[in-house]
């Protein structure tokens, strides 16, 4: 049996229109989906996207004769419907495990192409961060992942199904703020290249604030007011989900202390908190 993992994300650092294309930079973190290929045709319930990915991948790899003879098991999962790239991570980990099972390799671009046949996808299966067209599957700029970025994740009530998002309305909103989004991406790119996390935090906050104009969130407002007091770098969000991330430089504030500060700000709010570290992405086959 073959197993593989793929990280999820805490929404996006930046999302919107850059160069006339709708793009995003996922905030990839150290929380993973793990998928295992198993013999037999029994399908897990509630994972229709992964089922579809398995069917397409068997045909893509020229192994359609195995349809109904192999299936998959999800060993680790991410919260669903929050904006943590759970479906992307499931599909990418499944494709990595299946390729290993078949004795093949699967490239990042192939994962993007297959995943996009199911729904718009995140970029967590790429080995680094990147400016990614999540609708067409194209990488425009490769970026280094930050080494000391911590995130206090704020899960909000409710869920959002990716396929239910009104893409036309969202695109119109992004187009209104294209200039600001381009500036925020330039700030992010410079921050990552120079190792300046304060620029990353500012870029994320600009992009998140643009999304506030689309969908108001009082938890975001509370956090924005407290950023300086809690010594946070900024706020990012799942632009089509139900989560926020409060960003910290781990060289200055540790994760446990960061969570304590955020919890104090949000006392009495209906939220769940947990912590993560930013990492590079990529699918990894598990051995042993």
Protein backbone atom coordinates (compact mmCIF):
# COMPACT_ATOMS: atom_id res chain seq x y z
CA UNK A 1 0.00 0.00 0.00
CA UNK A 2 1.19 3.52 -0.81
CA UNK A 3 0.70 6.64 1.29
CA UNK A 4 1.34 10.33 0.65
CA UNK A 5 0.76 13.62 2.43
CA UNK A 6 0.07 17.16 1.25
CA UNK A 7 -0.13 20.26 3.46
CA UNK A 8 -3.14 22.49 3.74
CA UNK A 9 -3.23 26.25 4.10
CA UNK A 10 -4.71 28.90 6.30
CA UNK A 11 -6.43 30.73 3.48
CA UNK A 12 -4.32 33.06 1.38
CA UNK A 13 -1.73 35.74 2.04
CA UNK A 14 -2.91 37.62 -1.04
CA UNK A 15 -5.77 36.96 -3.45
CA UNK A 16 -7.26 39.09 -6.22
CA UNK A 17 -6.41 40.53 -9.62
CA UNK A 18 -2.75 40.83 -10.63
CA UNK A 19 -1.86 41.56 -14.25
CA UNK A 20 -5.47 41.06 -15.28
CA UNK A 21 -5.61 37.51 -13.89
CA UNK A 22 -7.31 36.23 -10.76
CA UNK A 23 -4.51 34.78 -8.62
CA UNK A 24 -3.61 33.82 -5.08
CA UNK A 25 -0.69 33.00 -2.80
CA UNK A 26 -1.68 30.24 -0.38
CA UNK A 27 -0.45 30.43 3.22
CA UNK A 28 0.79 26.86 3.38
CA UNK A 29 1.13 25.47 6.92
CA UNK A 30 2.22 22.35 8.77
CA UNK A 31 -1.18 20.63 8.87
CA UNK A 32 -1.63 17.76 6.44
CA UNK A 33 -3.97 15.46 4.62
CA UNK A 34 -2.70 11.89 4.33
CA UNK A 35 -4.12 9.47 1.79
CA UNK A 36 -3.45 5.76 1.33
CA UNK A 37 -4.20 3.57 -1.68
CA UNK A 38 -5.78 0.27 -0.61
CA UNK A 39 -6.95 -2.84 -2.52
CA UNK A 40 -10.66 -3.33 -3.07
CA UNK A 41 -13.45 -1.20 -4.47
CA UNK A 42 -15.07 0.03 -1.25
CA UNK A 43 -15.29 3.84 -1.35
CA UNK A 44 -15.17 6.10 1.72
CA UNK A 45 -18.37 8.08 2.21
CA UNK A 46 -18.49 11.85 1.76
CA UNK A 47 -15.29 12.15 -0.31
CA UNK A 48 -16.74 12.46 -3.80
CA UNK A 49 -14.02 14.87 -4.96
CA UNK A 50 -11.32 12.36 -4.07
CA UNK A 51 -13.35 9.57 -5.69
CA UNK A 52 -13.55 11.58 -8.89
CA UNK A 53 -9.81 12.33 -8.71
CA UNK A 54 -9.07 8.60 -8.39
CA UNK A 55 -11.20 7.78 -11.44
CA UNK A 56 -9.56 10.50 -13.55
CA UNK A 57 -6.06 9.60 -12.39
CA UNK A 58 -6.44 5.91 -13.20
CA UNK A 59 -7.41 6.86 -16.73
CA UNK A 60 -4.64 9.50 -16.94
CA UNK A 61 -1.98 6.99 -15.83
CA UNK A 62 -3.27 4.33 -18.24
CA UNK A 63 -4.48 2.07 -15.43
CA UNK A 64 -8.23 2.17 -16.00
CA UNK A 65 -8.37 -1.62 -15.58
CA UNK A 66 -7.80 -1.05 -11.84
CA UNK A 67 -11.05 0.88 -11.49
CA UNK A 68 -13.14 -0.91 -8.85
CA UNK A 69 -10.08 -2.90 -7.72
CA UNK A 70 -8.33 -0.17 -5.74
CA UNK A 71 -9.65 2.54 -3.48
CA UNK A 72 -8.28 4.92 -0.86
CA UNK A 73 -8.34 5.65 2.85
CA UNK A 74 -7.94 9.11 4.39
CA UNK A 75 -5.61 8.73 7.37
CA UNK A 76 -5.31 12.42 8.30
CA UNK A 77 -7.60 15.29 7.37
CA UNK A 78 -8.03 19.05 7.58
CA UNK A 79 -11.19 20.87 8.71
CA UNK A 80 -13.65 21.06 5.80
CA UNK A 81 -15.35 24.18 4.45
CA UNK A 82 -13.17 26.67 6.33
CA UNK A 83 -10.61 27.63 3.70
CA UNK A 84 -7.79 25.28 4.74
CA UNK A 85 -7.34 23.79 1.24
CA UNK A 86 -8.72 20.49 2.53
CA UNK A 87 -9.98 19.26 -0.86
CA UNK A 88 -6.76 20.30 -2.63
CA UNK A 89 -4.66 18.51 -0.01
CA UNK A 90 -6.83 15.37 -0.20
CA UNK A 91 -6.68 15.24 -4.00
CA UNK A 92 -2.95 15.99 -4.22
CA UNK A 93 -2.06 13.42 -1.54
CA UNK A 94 -4.27 10.85 -3.29
CA UNK A 95 -2.56 11.49 -6.64
CA UNK A 96 0.88 11.21 -5.04
CA UNK A 97 -0.04 7.92 -3.35
CA UNK A 98 -1.58 6.50 -6.53
CA UNK A 99 1.44 7.45 -8.63
CA UNK A 100 3.69 5.69 -6.12
CA UNK A 101 1.39 2.65 -6.12
CA UNK A 102 1.70 2.48 -9.91
CA UNK A 103 5.46 3.02 -9.87
CA UNK A 104 5.14 6.41 -11.54
CA UNK A 105 5.96 10.05 -10.76
CA UNK A 106 3.43 12.86 -10.84
CA UNK A 107 4.52 16.45 -11.46
CA UNK A 108 3.04 19.46 -9.72
CA UNK A 109 1.64 20.73 -13.02
CA UNK A 110 -0.15 17.41 -13.56
CA UNK A 111 -1.73 17.63 -10.11
CA UNK A 112 -2.95 21.14 -10.91
CA UNK A 113 -4.43 20.01 -14.22
CA UNK A 114 -6.28 17.06 -12.69
CA UNK A 115 -7.48 18.94 -9.60
CA UNK A 116 -8.85 21.81 -11.67
CA UNK A 117 -11.16 19.42 -13.49
CA UNK A 118 -13.00 19.09 -10.16
CA UNK A 119 -12.87 22.62 -8.68
CA UNK A 120 -10.66 25.72 -8.36
CA UNK A 121 -7.57 24.64 -6.46
CA UNK A 122 -5.03 25.98 -3.99
CA UNK A 123 -1.27 25.87 -4.50
CA UNK A 124 -0.16 23.84 -1.48
CA UNK A 125 1.12 20.94 -3.62
CA UNK A 126 3.87 23.13 -5.10
CA UNK A 127 7.21 22.78 -3.33
CA UNK A 128 7.46 26.49 -2.51
CA UNK A 129 5.08 29.40 -2.36
CA UNK A 130 3.91 30.88 -5.64
CA UNK A 131 1.61 33.39 -7.30
CA UNK A 132 -0.90 30.94 -8.75
CA UNK A 133 -3.85 31.23 -11.11
CA UNK A 134 -6.17 28.86 -9.23
CA UNK A 135 -8.71 28.86 -12.07
CA UNK A 136 -6.31 28.03 -14.94
CA UNK A 137 -3.58 26.18 -13.03
CA UNK A 138 -0.67 28.43 -14.02
CA UNK A 139 2.21 29.56 -11.81
CA UNK A 140 3.35 33.12 -12.56
CA UNK A 141 5.96 33.75 -9.88
CA UNK A 142 7.76 31.26 -7.63
CA UNK A 143 8.43 32.55 -4.11
CA UNK A 144 10.49 31.38 -1.14
CA UNK A 145 8.52 30.21 1.89
CA UNK A 146 9.14 32.18 5.11
CA UNK A 147 11.11 30.35 7.80
CA UNK A 148 9.85 31.97 11.02
CA UNK A 149 6.22 32.83 10.34
CA UNK A 150 3.72 31.62 12.93
CA UNK A 151 -0.05 31.69 12.59
CA UNK A 152 -2.77 31.76 15.20
CA UNK A 153 -5.69 30.29 13.28
CA UNK A 154 -9.15 31.66 14.03
CA UNK A 155 -11.89 29.30 12.92
CA UNK A 156 -15.24 31.04 12.48
CA UNK A 157 -18.64 29.32 12.65
CA UNK A 158 -20.10 27.88 9.46
CA UNK A 159 -18.69 26.38 6.29
CA UNK A 160 -18.29 27.44 2.65
CA UNK A 161 -18.40 24.94 -0.22
CA UNK A 162 -15.89 26.02 -2.88
CA UNK A 163 -18.25 25.19 -5.74
CA UNK A 164 -20.99 27.39 -4.23
CA UNK A 165 -18.94 30.61 -4.42
CA UNK A 166 -20.40 33.26 -6.77
CA UNK A 167 -17.28 33.60 -8.93
CA UNK A 168 -18.65 36.40 -11.11
CA UNK A 169 -19.55 38.60 -8.15
CA UNK A 170 -16.21 37.87 -6.48
CA UNK A 171 -14.27 38.70 -9.65
CA UNK A 172 -16.09 42.02 -10.00
CA UNK A 173 -15.06 42.86 -6.45
CA UNK A 174 -11.45 41.89 -7.10
CA UNK A 175 -11.41 44.03 -10.24
CA UNK A 176 -12.43 47.10 -8.22
CA UNK A 177 -9.34 46.69 -6.04
CA UNK A 178 -6.85 45.44 -8.65
CA UNK A 179 -4.42 48.32 -8.07
CA UNK A 180 -4.30 47.73 -4.31
CA UNK A 181 -3.89 43.97 -4.81
CA UNK A 182 -0.98 44.45 -7.20
CA UNK A 183 0.73 46.69 -4.65
CA UNK A 184 0.13 44.14 -1.89
CA UNK A 185 1.66 41.37 -4.01
CA UNK A 186 4.71 43.51 -4.77
CA UNK A 187 5.05 44.12 -1.03
CA UNK A 188 4.73 40.38 -0.32
CA UNK A 189 7.30 39.47 -2.98
CA UNK A 190 9.79 41.97 -1.61
CA UNK A 191 9.18 40.82 1.95
CA UNK A 192 9.80 37.16 1.09
CA UNK A 193 12.90 37.90 -0.99
CA UNK A 194 14.38 40.15 1.70
CA UNK A 195 13.21 38.11 4.69
CA UNK A 196 11.15 41.03 5.97
CA UNK A 197 8.08 39.53 7.62
CA UNK A 198 6.64 42.95 8.41
CA UNK A 199 6.10 43.50 4.69
CA UNK A 200 4.40 40.12 4.43
CA UNK A 201 2.10 41.06 7.30
CA UNK A 202 1.21 44.38 5.71
CA UNK A 203 0.48 42.71 2.36
CA UNK A 204 -1.78 40.12 3.99
CA UNK A 205 -3.66 42.78 5.92
CA UNK A 206 -4.27 44.85 2.78
CA UNK A 207 -5.68 41.83 0.95
CA UNK A 208 -7.82 40.84 3.95
CA UNK A 209 -9.14 44.38 4.30
CA UNK A 210 -10.17 44.37 0.64
CA UNK A 211 -12.18 41.23 1.39
CA UNK A 212 -13.84 43.02 4.31
CA UNK A 213 -15.51 45.24 1.73
CA UNK A 214 -16.98 42.10 0.17
CA UNK A 215 -18.00 40.32 3.38
CA UNK A 216 -17.96 42.11 6.74
CA UNK A 217 -16.58 40.25 9.73
CA UNK A 218 -16.59 41.72 13.23
CA UNK A 219 -13.88 39.30 14.42
CA UNK A 220 -11.57 40.73 11.76
CA UNK A 221 -12.33 44.26 12.99
CA UNK A 222 -11.50 43.29 16.58
CA UNK A 223 -8.20 41.76 15.54
CA UNK A 224 -7.28 44.69 13.30
CA UNK A 225 -7.72 47.12 16.19
CA UNK A 226 -5.49 44.99 18.43
CA UNK A 227 -2.63 44.23 16.02
CA UNK A 228 -0.18 46.72 17.50
CA UNK A 229 -1.01 45.83 21.11
CA UNK A 230 -0.43 42.09 20.59
CA UNK A 231 2.67 42.67 18.41
CA UNK A 232 1.25 40.78 15.45
CA UNK A 233 2.53 41.26 11.91
CA UNK A 234 -0.92 41.33 10.32
CA UNK A 235 -4.02 39.34 9.47
CA UNK A 236 -4.68 37.04 6.55
CA UNK A 237 -7.90 35.24 5.73
CA UNK A 238 -9.53 32.49 3.74
CA UNK A 239 -10.96 34.70 1.00
CA UNK A 240 -13.67 32.13 0.25
CA UNK A 241 -13.83 30.39 3.63
CA UNK A 242 -14.49 30.82 7.31
CA UNK A 243 -11.08 31.39 8.85
CA UNK A 244 -8.60 34.13 9.70
CA UNK A 245 -4.92 33.94 10.51
CA UNK A 246 -3.11 36.26 12.91
CA UNK A 247 0.52 36.38 11.82
CA UNK A 248 3.52 36.52 14.15
CA UNK A 249 7.30 36.55 13.80
CA UNK A 250 8.34 33.51 15.84
CA UNK A 251 11.71 35.12 16.58
CA UNK A 252 9.78 37.67 18.65
CA UNK A 253 6.63 35.90 19.91
CA UNK A 254 6.30 32.15 20.43
CA UNK A 255 3.21 30.28 19.28
CA UNK A 256 1.76 29.58 22.72
CA UNK A 257 2.13 33.21 23.78
CA UNK A 258 0.71 34.36 20.44
CA UNK A 259 -2.37 32.19 20.95
CA UNK A 260 -2.82 33.52 24.49
CA UNK A 261 -2.77 37.12 23.18
CA UNK A 262 -5.30 36.40 20.43
CA UNK A 263 -7.56 34.53 22.86
CA UNK A 264 -7.54 37.56 25.14
CA UNK A 265 -8.61 39.84 22.27
CA UNK A 266 -11.39 37.48 21.19
CA UNK A 267 -12.68 36.52 24.63
CA UNK A 268 -16.40 35.83 24.40
CA UNK A 269 -16.37 35.41 20.59
CA UNK A 270 -17.65 32.21 19.00
CA UNK A 271 -14.34 31.03 17.54
CA UNK A 272 -11.88 28.15 17.79
CA UNK A 273 -8.14 28.82 17.97
CA UNK A 274 -5.14 26.70 17.05
CA UNK A 275 -1.60 27.39 15.89
CA UNK A 276 0.52 26.51 12.89
CA UNK A 277 3.83 27.33 11.24
CA UNK A 278 4.21 28.45 7.64
CA UNK A 279 6.09 25.95 5.47
CA UNK A 280 6.82 25.26 1.84
CA UNK A 281 4.40 22.91 0.13
CA UNK A 282 4.61 19.74 -1.91
CA UNK A 283 3.38 16.16 -1.93
CA UNK A 284 5.51 13.66 -0.02
CA UNK A 285 5.32 9.89 -0.35
CA UNK A 286 5.51 8.23 3.09
CA UNK A 287 7.82 5.28 3.66
CA UNK A 288 7.73 2.75 6.46
